[in-house]
Amino acid sequence: MTAIFRELKDPRVQGLISIVRVDVSSDLSYCTVYISAMEGIDHAKQAIVGLKSASGYIRRELGQRLRLRHVPEMHFKATDSIEYSANISRILNDLPASREDGQGKET
């Protein structure tokens, strides 16, 4: 699906956009696609608007490429998980290294 996203000409969908998670209904008729952007939740929300307007094209391309009889109706939701993960990684990298060995001895 990310390859299809890259083919979209809509400027709202450009940038570092990732599919974080996809939940599919039990009857396979609907799916919720969670989108995150490195630029933050505001950029992810803009991408959602573009993806909603291109949902027909995305469904058709998925059906052709995966040869599915029925492609679920997609609902897009924005999430800040990439931004959140990057912030945690930044915090962990900024922590001073207080232990050199695994013995529990502080240096």
N, C-alpha and C. Protein backbone atom coordinates (compact mmCIF):
# COMPACT_ATOMS: atom_id res chain seq x y z
N MET A 1 0.82 -1.19 0.00
CA MET A 1 0.00 0.00 0.00
C MET A 1 0.87 1.25 0.00
N THR A 2 2.04 1.20 0.63
CA THR A 2 2.89 2.39 0.65
C THR A 2 3.37 2.73 -0.76
N ALA A 3 3.54 1.73 -1.62
CA ALA A 3 3.92 2.01 -3.01
C ALA A 3 2.82 2.81 -3.70
N ILE A 4 1.58 2.50 -3.41
CA ILE A 4 0.45 3.24 -3.98
C ILE A 4 0.45 4.66 -3.44
N PHE A 5 0.76 4.83 -2.15
CA PHE A 5 0.82 6.18 -1.56
C PHE A 5 1.85 7.03 -2.29
N ARG A 6 3.00 6.43 -2.63
CA ARG A 6 4.06 7.19 -3.31
C ARG A 6 3.64 7.62 -4.71
N GLU A 7 2.71 6.90 -5.31
CA GLU A 7 2.25 7.24 -6.66
C GLU A 7 1.23 8.37 -6.67
N LEU A 8 0.65 8.68 -5.52
CA LEU A 8 -0.36 9.74 -5.46
C LEU A 8 0.28 11.10 -5.71
N LYS A 9 -0.41 11.92 -6.47
CA LYS A 9 0.10 13.25 -6.82
C LYS A 9 -0.32 14.32 -5.82
N ASP A 10 -1.19 13.98 -4.90
CA ASP A 10 -1.70 14.93 -3.92
C ASP A 10 -0.58 15.40 -2.99
N PRO A 11 -0.32 16.71 -2.91
CA PRO A 11 0.77 17.21 -2.06
C PRO A 11 0.54 16.94 -0.57
N ARG A 12 -0.72 16.72 -0.16
CA ARG A 12 -1.00 16.44 1.25
C ARG A 12 -0.47 15.08 1.67
N VAL A 13 -0.27 14.18 0.70
CA VAL A 13 0.16 12.82 1.00
C VAL A 13 1.68 12.66 0.84
N GLN A 14 2.35 13.69 0.43
CA GLN A 14 3.80 13.63 0.25
C GLN A 14 4.52 13.73 1.59
N GLY A 15 5.75 13.27 1.64
CA GLY A 15 6.54 13.33 2.87
C GLY A 15 6.72 11.94 3.47
N LEU A 16 7.21 11.91 4.68
CA LEU A 16 7.48 10.65 5.37
C LEU A 16 6.22 10.17 6.09
N ILE A 17 5.38 9.47 5.34
CA ILE A 17 4.13 8.94 5.88
C ILE A 17 4.26 7.43 5.96
N SER A 18 3.86 6.88 7.10
CA SER A 18 3.95 5.43 7.30
C SER A 18 2.62 4.86 7.76
N ILE A 19 2.39 3.63 7.34
CA ILE A 19 1.25 2.88 7.84
C ILE A 19 1.72 2.19 9.11
N VAL A 20 1.10 2.53 10.23
CA VAL A 20 1.52 2.01 11.52
C VAL A 20 0.80 0.71 11.84
N ARG A 21 -0.48 0.66 11.52
CA ARG A 21 -1.28 -0.51 11.87
C ARG A 21 -2.52 -0.55 10.97
N VAL A 22 -3.02 -1.76 10.75
CA VAL A 22 -4.26 -1.93 9.99
C VAL A 22 -5.13 -2.91 10.77
N ASP A 23 -6.34 -2.50 11.08
CA ASP A 23 -7.32 -3.37 11.73
C ASP A 23 -8.41 -3.70 10.72
N VAL A 24 -8.71 -4.97 10.56
CA VAL A 24 -9.71 -5.42 9.60
C VAL A 24 -10.90 -5.98 10.37
N SER A 25 -12.11 -5.66 9.91
CA SER A 25 -13.32 -6.18 10.56
C SER A 25 -13.42 -7.69 10.35
N SER A 26 -14.21 -8.34 11.18
CA SER A 26 -14.31 -9.80 11.13
C SER A 26 -14.89 -10.31 9.80
N ASP A 27 -15.74 -9.52 9.16
CA ASP A 27 -16.29 -9.95 7.87
C ASP A 27 -15.49 -9.43 6.68
N LEU A 28 -14.35 -8.80 6.95
CA LEU A 28 -13.42 -8.30 5.93
C LEU A 28 -14.01 -7.22 5.03
N SER A 29 -15.04 -6.54 5.48
CA SER A 29 -15.64 -5.51 4.64
C SER A 29 -15.09 -4.11 4.93
N TYR A 30 -14.52 -3.91 6.10
CA TYR A 30 -13.95 -2.61 6.48
C TYR A 30 -12.57 -2.80 7.07
N CYS A 31 -11.72 -1.81 6.89
CA CYS A 31 -10.44 -1.81 7.59
C CYS A 31 -10.11 -0.38 8.01
N THR A 32 -9.43 -0.28 9.13
CA THR A 32 -8.97 1.01 9.62
C THR A 32 -7.46 1.03 9.46
N VAL A 33 -6.98 2.04 8.73
CA VAL A 33 -5.56 2.18 8.45
C VAL A 33 -5.05 3.35 9.27
N TYR A 34 -4.11 3.07 10.18
CA TYR A 34 -3.54 4.10 11.04
C TYR A 34 -2.28 4.65 10.38
N ILE A 35 -2.27 5.97 10.18
CA ILE A 35 -1.20 6.66 9.48
C ILE A 35 -0.45 7.56 10.45
N SER A 36 0.87 7.56 10.32
CA SER A 36 1.69 8.44 11.14
C SER A 36 2.70 9.15 10.22
N ALA A 37 3.11 10.33 10.64
CA ALA A 37 4.08 11.10 9.86
C ALA A 37 5.20 11.56 10.77
N MET A 38 6.40 11.56 10.23
CA MET A 38 7.57 11.98 11.00
C MET A 38 7.46 13.47 11.35
N GLU A 39 6.77 14.23 10.52
CA GLU A 39 6.63 15.67 10.75
C GLU A 39 5.65 15.98 11.87
N GLY A 40 4.91 15.00 12.33
CA GLY A 40 3.99 15.22 13.45
C GLY A 40 2.55 14.90 13.10
N ILE A 41 1.70 15.03 14.10
CA ILE A 41 0.29 14.66 13.97
C ILE A 41 -0.45 15.58 13.00
N ASP A 42 -0.06 16.86 12.93
CA ASP A 42 -0.74 17.78 12.01
C ASP A 42 -0.52 17.37 10.55
N HIS A 43 0.69 16.94 10.23
CA HIS A 43 0.97 16.47 8.87
C HIS A 43 0.22 15.17 8.59
N ALA A 44 0.12 14.30 9.59
CA ALA A 44 -0.63 13.05 9.43
C ALA A 44 -2.10 13.34 9.16
N LYS A 45 -2.66 14.34 9.85
CA LYS A 45 -4.06 14.70 9.64
C LYS A 45 -4.28 15.26 8.23
N GLN A 46 -3.31 16.03 7.73
CA GLN A 46 -3.42 16.53 6.35
C GLN A 46 -3.36 15.37 5.36
N ALA A 47 -2.50 14.40 5.64
CA ALA A 47 -2.39 13.24 4.76
C ALA A 47 -3.69 12.44 4.74
N ILE A 48 -4.37 12.38 5.87
CA ILE A 48 -5.64 11.66 5.96
C ILE A 48 -6.66 12.27 5.00
N VAL A 49 -6.70 13.58 4.94
CA VAL A 49 -7.63 14.27 4.03
C VAL A 49 -7.35 13.87 2.58
N GLY A 50 -6.05 13.86 2.22
CA GLY A 50 -5.68 13.46 0.86
C GLY A 50 -5.98 12.00 0.59
N LEU A 51 -5.73 11.14 1.57
CA LEU A 51 -5.99 9.71 1.39
C LEU A 51 -7.47 9.42 1.27
N LYS A 52 -8.30 10.15 2.02
CA LYS A 52 -9.75 9.95 1.90
C LYS A 52 -10.24 10.31 0.51
N SER A 53 -9.67 11.39 -0.06
CA SER A 53 -10.11 11.78 -1.39
C SER A 53 -9.62 10.80 -2.46
N ALA A 54 -8.54 10.07 -2.18
CA ALA A 54 -8.00 9.10 -3.13
C ALA A 54 -8.37 7.66 -2.78
N SER A 55 -9.29 7.46 -1.86
CA SER A 55 -9.59 6.11 -1.38
C SER A 55 -10.12 5.19 -2.49
N GLY A 56 -10.89 5.72 -3.42
CA GLY A 56 -11.38 4.91 -4.53
C GLY A 56 -10.23 4.39 -5.39
N TYR A 57 -9.30 5.27 -5.70
CA TYR A 57 -8.11 4.88 -6.48
C TYR A 57 -7.29 3.84 -5.72
N ILE A 58 -7.10 4.06 -4.43
CA ILE A 58 -6.30 3.14 -3.61
C ILE A 58 -6.95 1.75 -3.58
N ARG A 59 -8.26 1.71 -3.39
CA ARG A 59 -8.97 0.42 -3.37
C ARG A 59 -8.85 -0.31 -4.71
N ARG A 60 -9.00 0.43 -5.79
CA ARG A 60 -8.91 -0.19 -7.12
C ARG A 60 -7.52 -0.74 -7.37
N GLU A 61 -6.49 0.03 -7.01
CA GLU A 61 -5.11 -0.42 -7.20
C GLU A 61 -4.80 -1.63 -6.33
N LEU A 62 -5.26 -1.63 -5.10
CA LEU A 62 -5.05 -2.80 -4.22
C LEU A 62 -5.72 -4.04 -4.80
N GLY A 63 -6.93 -3.89 -5.29
CA GLY A 63 -7.65 -5.02 -5.88
C GLY A 63 -6.94 -5.58 -7.09
N GLN A 64 -6.39 -4.71 -7.94
CA GLN A 64 -5.69 -5.16 -9.13
C GLN A 64 -4.35 -5.80 -8.80
N ARG A 65 -3.60 -5.17 -7.90
CA ARG A 65 -2.26 -5.66 -7.58
C ARG A 65 -2.28 -6.94 -6.76
N LEU A 66 -3.24 -7.06 -5.86
CA LEU A 66 -3.32 -8.24 -5.00
C LEU A 66 -4.30 -9.27 -5.54
N ARG A 67 -5.00 -8.93 -6.60
CA ARG A 67 -6.00 -9.81 -7.21
C ARG A 67 -7.03 -10.29 -6.20
N LEU A 68 -7.62 -9.32 -5.54
CA LEU A 68 -8.66 -9.61 -4.56
C LEU A 68 -10.03 -9.46 -5.19
N ARG A 69 -10.94 -10.31 -4.79
CA ARG A 69 -12.33 -10.16 -5.25
C ARG A 69 -12.98 -8.95 -4.62
N HIS A 70 -12.77 -8.84 -3.32
CA HIS A 70 -13.37 -7.73 -2.58
C HIS A 70 -12.29 -7.04 -1.76
N VAL A 71 -12.14 -5.75 -1.98
CA VAL A 71 -11.19 -4.95 -1.20
C VAL A 71 -12.00 -4.23 -0.12
N PRO A 72 -11.58 -4.33 1.13
CA PRO A 72 -12.34 -3.68 2.21
C PRO A 72 -12.42 -2.17 2.03
N GLU A 73 -13.49 -1.60 2.51
CA GLU A 73 -13.62 -0.15 2.55
C GLU A 73 -12.65 0.37 3.61
N MET A 74 -11.85 1.36 3.23
CA MET A 74 -10.79 1.84 4.13
C MET A 74 -11.19 3.12 4.85
N HIS A 75 -10.91 3.12 6.14
CA HIS A 75 -11.07 4.30 6.98
C HIS A 75 -9.68 4.66 7.48
N PHE A 76 -9.26 5.89 7.26
CA PHE A 76 -7.92 6.32 7.65
C PHE A 76 -7.99 7.11 8.95
N LYS A 77 -7.04 6.85 9.85
CA LYS A 77 -6.95 7.58 11.11
C LYS A 77 -5.52 8.00 11.34
N ALA A 78 -5.35 9.21 11.86
CA ALA A 78 -4.02 9.74 12.15
C ALA A 78 -3.58 9.32 13.54
N THR A 79 -2.29 9.04 13.67
CA THR A 79 -1.71 8.71 14.97
C THR A 79 -0.33 9.37 15.05
N ASP A 80 0.13 9.62 16.24
CA ASP A 80 1.43 10.26 16.42
C ASP A 80 2.50 9.28 16.88
N SER A 81 2.36 8.01 16.55
CA SER A 81 3.26 7.00 17.09
C SER A 81 4.71 7.16 16.62
N ILE A 82 4.95 7.59 15.39
CA ILE A 82 6.32 7.79 14.93
C ILE A 82 6.95 8.95 15.68
N GLU A 83 6.23 10.05 15.81
CA GLU A 83 6.74 11.20 16.54
C GLU A 83 7.00 10.82 18.00
N TYR A 84 6.11 10.06 18.59
CA TYR A 84 6.24 9.61 19.98
C TYR A 84 7.48 8.72 20.15
N SER A 85 7.66 7.79 19.22
CA SER A 85 8.82 6.89 19.28
C SER A 85 10.13 7.65 19.09
N ALA A 86 10.13 8.61 18.18
CA ALA A 86 11.34 9.41 17.95
C ALA A 86 11.69 10.22 19.20
N ASN A 87 10.67 10.72 19.90
CA ASN A 87 10.91 11.48 21.12
C ASN A 87 11.50 10.59 22.22
N ILE A 88 10.97 9.38 22.37
CA ILE A 88 11.51 8.44 23.36
C ILE A 88 12.96 8.09 23.02
N SER A 89 13.23 7.85 21.75
CA SER A 89 14.59 7.53 21.33
C SER A 89 15.54 8.69 21.63
N ARG A 90 15.09 9.92 21.38
CA ARG A 90 15.90 11.10 21.66
C ARG A 90 16.20 11.20 23.16
N ILE A 91 15.19 10.95 23.99
CA ILE A 91 15.37 11.02 25.45
C ILE A 91 16.36 9.95 25.90
N LEU A 92 16.22 8.73 25.40
CA LEU A 92 17.13 7.65 25.78
C LEU A 92 18.57 7.93 25.33
N ASN A 93 18.73 8.52 24.17
CA ASN A 93 20.08 8.85 23.69
C ASN A 93 20.72 9.97 24.49
N ASP A 94 19.91 10.82 25.09
CA ASP A 94 20.44 11.93 25.88
C ASP A 94 20.79 11.53 27.31
N LEU A 95 20.39 10.34 27.75
CA LEU A 95 20.71 9.88 29.09
C LEU A 95 22.21 9.62 29.21
N PRO A 96 22.81 10.04 30.32
CA PRO A 96 24.24 9.75 30.50
C PRO A 96 24.45 8.26 30.76
N ALA A 97 25.53 7.73 30.22
CA ALA A 97 25.86 6.33 30.45
C ALA A 97 26.50 6.21 31.82
N SER A 98 25.76 5.65 32.79
CA SER A 98 26.27 5.57 34.15
C SER A 98 26.86 4.21 34.47
N ARG A 99 26.64 3.20 33.62
CA ARG A 99 27.16 1.86 33.87
C ARG A 99 27.93 1.37 32.64
N GLU A 100 29.10 0.86 32.90
CA GLU A 100 29.90 0.36 31.78
C GLU A 100 29.74 -1.11 31.56
N ASP A 101 29.62 -1.88 32.66
CA ASP A 101 29.52 -3.32 32.51
C ASP A 101 28.17 -3.80 33.05
N GLY A 102 27.85 -5.02 32.80
CA GLY A 102 26.59 -5.59 33.23
C GLY A 102 26.61 -6.07 34.67
N GLN A 103 27.67 -5.80 35.42
CA GLN A 103 27.83 -6.27 36.80
C GLN A 103 27.10 -5.40 37.80
N GLY A 104 26.55 -4.28 37.35
CA GLY A 104 25.85 -3.41 38.29
C GLY A 104 26.77 -2.43 39.00
N LYS A 105 28.04 -2.37 38.62
CA LYS A 105 28.98 -1.43 39.23
C LYS A 105 28.91 -0.12 38.48
N GLU A 106 28.71 0.94 39.23
CA GLU A 106 28.67 2.26 38.61
C GLU A 106 30.08 2.75 38.41
N THR A 107 30.22 3.55 37.37
CA THR A 107 31.54 4.11 37.09
C THR A 107 31.58 5.57 37.44
